[in-house]
């Protein structure tokens, strides 16, 4: 959109403000927690801005990392069969 100012086309300051954003890589977060309530809360909260994958065990987490290639991982450090020192 242009505004004519003394015969010279000038770009309106709001030009392009309503355009759809350019396509971008959808960021993926892996949530690893054995507590269903925590899984649900994090998925609902993070799901507003990210693709969220949720798993409830260490073995599923390892498989999900390989399959999904997450950008970030939220990890419960106290789960059966898993300790923070194992990371």
Protein backbone atom coordinates (compact mmCIF):
# COMPACT_ATOMS: atom_id res chain seq x y z
CA UNK A 1 0.00 0.00 0.00
CA UNK A 2 1.40 3.38 -0.93
CA UNK A 3 0.38 6.88 0.00
CA UNK A 4 0.93 9.70 -2.44
CA UNK A 5 2.80 12.57 -0.83
CA UNK A 6 3.36 15.56 -3.14
CA UNK A 7 3.37 13.24 -6.13
CA UNK A 8 5.96 10.88 -4.57
CA UNK A 9 4.93 7.38 -3.56
CA UNK A 10 5.74 6.71 0.10
CA UNK A 11 5.48 3.37 1.88
CA UNK A 12 2.76 3.36 4.55
CA UNK A 13 4.26 2.52 7.98
CA UNK A 14 1.74 -0.30 8.50
CA UNK A 15 2.43 -1.85 5.11
CA UNK A 16 2.71 -5.62 5.44
CA UNK A 17 1.64 -5.70 9.08
CA UNK A 18 -1.30 -7.99 8.27
CA UNK A 19 0.63 -10.44 6.10
CA UNK A 20 0.93 -14.03 7.19
CA UNK A 21 4.35 -14.80 8.65
CA UNK A 22 6.84 -16.52 6.40
CA UNK A 23 6.99 -20.29 6.63
CA UNK A 24 9.39 -21.35 9.35
CA UNK A 25 10.63 -24.51 10.94
CA UNK A 26 8.14 -25.64 13.56
CA UNK A 27 10.07 -26.00 16.82
CA UNK A 28 9.65 -29.38 18.53
CA UNK A 29 9.83 -30.05 22.27
CA UNK A 30 10.03 -33.50 23.83
CA UNK A 31 8.50 -33.81 27.31
CA UNK A 32 9.73 -36.81 29.30
CA UNK A 33 7.82 -37.38 32.51
CA UNK A 34 6.11 -40.36 34.15
CA UNK A 35 3.43 -38.14 35.75
CA UNK A 36 0.35 -37.82 33.51
CA UNK A 37 -0.72 -34.49 35.07
CA UNK A 38 2.68 -32.93 34.35
CA UNK A 39 2.56 -34.32 30.79
CA UNK A 40 -0.88 -32.81 30.18
CA UNK A 41 -0.04 -29.39 31.65
CA UNK A 42 3.22 -29.05 29.72
CA UNK A 43 1.64 -30.24 26.47
CA UNK A 44 -1.21 -27.74 26.81
CA UNK A 45 1.07 -24.84 27.76
CA UNK A 46 3.89 -25.52 25.30
CA UNK A 47 1.52 -26.60 22.54
CA UNK A 48 0.56 -22.97 21.96
CA UNK A 49 3.96 -22.27 20.40
CA UNK A 50 5.62 -25.62 19.75
CA UNK A 51 5.00 -29.10 18.44
CA UNK A 52 5.06 -31.18 21.62
CA UNK A 53 5.80 -34.89 21.88
CA UNK A 54 5.23 -36.56 25.25
CA UNK A 55 6.65 -39.83 26.54
CA UNK A 56 6.50 -41.43 29.98
CA UNK A 57 9.65 -43.53 30.22
CA UNK A 58 13.38 -43.38 29.63
CA UNK A 59 13.32 -46.04 26.93
CA UNK A 60 10.58 -44.21 25.01
CA UNK A 61 12.52 -40.96 25.43
CA UNK A 62 15.59 -42.42 23.75
CA UNK A 63 13.50 -43.68 20.83
CA UNK A 64 11.68 -40.34 20.53
CA UNK A 65 14.96 -38.41 20.39
CA UNK A 66 16.05 -40.52 17.41
CA UNK A 67 12.67 -40.43 15.65
CA UNK A 68 11.52 -36.88 16.34
CA UNK A 69 14.82 -34.96 16.58
CA UNK A 70 13.48 -32.42 19.12
CA UNK A 71 14.88 -28.90 19.44
CA UNK A 72 14.52 -29.08 23.24
CA UNK A 73 13.87 -31.77 25.85
CA UNK A 74 12.13 -31.25 29.21
CA UNK A 75 13.21 -34.17 31.35
CA UNK A 76 11.98 -35.37 34.72
CA UNK A 77 15.21 -36.13 36.58
CA UNK A 78 13.54 -38.63 38.93
CA UNK A 79 11.87 -41.38 36.96
CA UNK A 80 11.98 -45.12 37.45
CA UNK A 81 14.91 -46.52 35.47
CA UNK A 82 16.44 -43.10 34.86
CA UNK A 83 18.66 -40.73 36.82
CA UNK A 84 19.93 -37.27 35.97
CA UNK A 85 23.50 -38.55 36.17
CA UNK A 86 22.71 -40.99 33.33
CA UNK A 87 22.40 -38.03 30.96
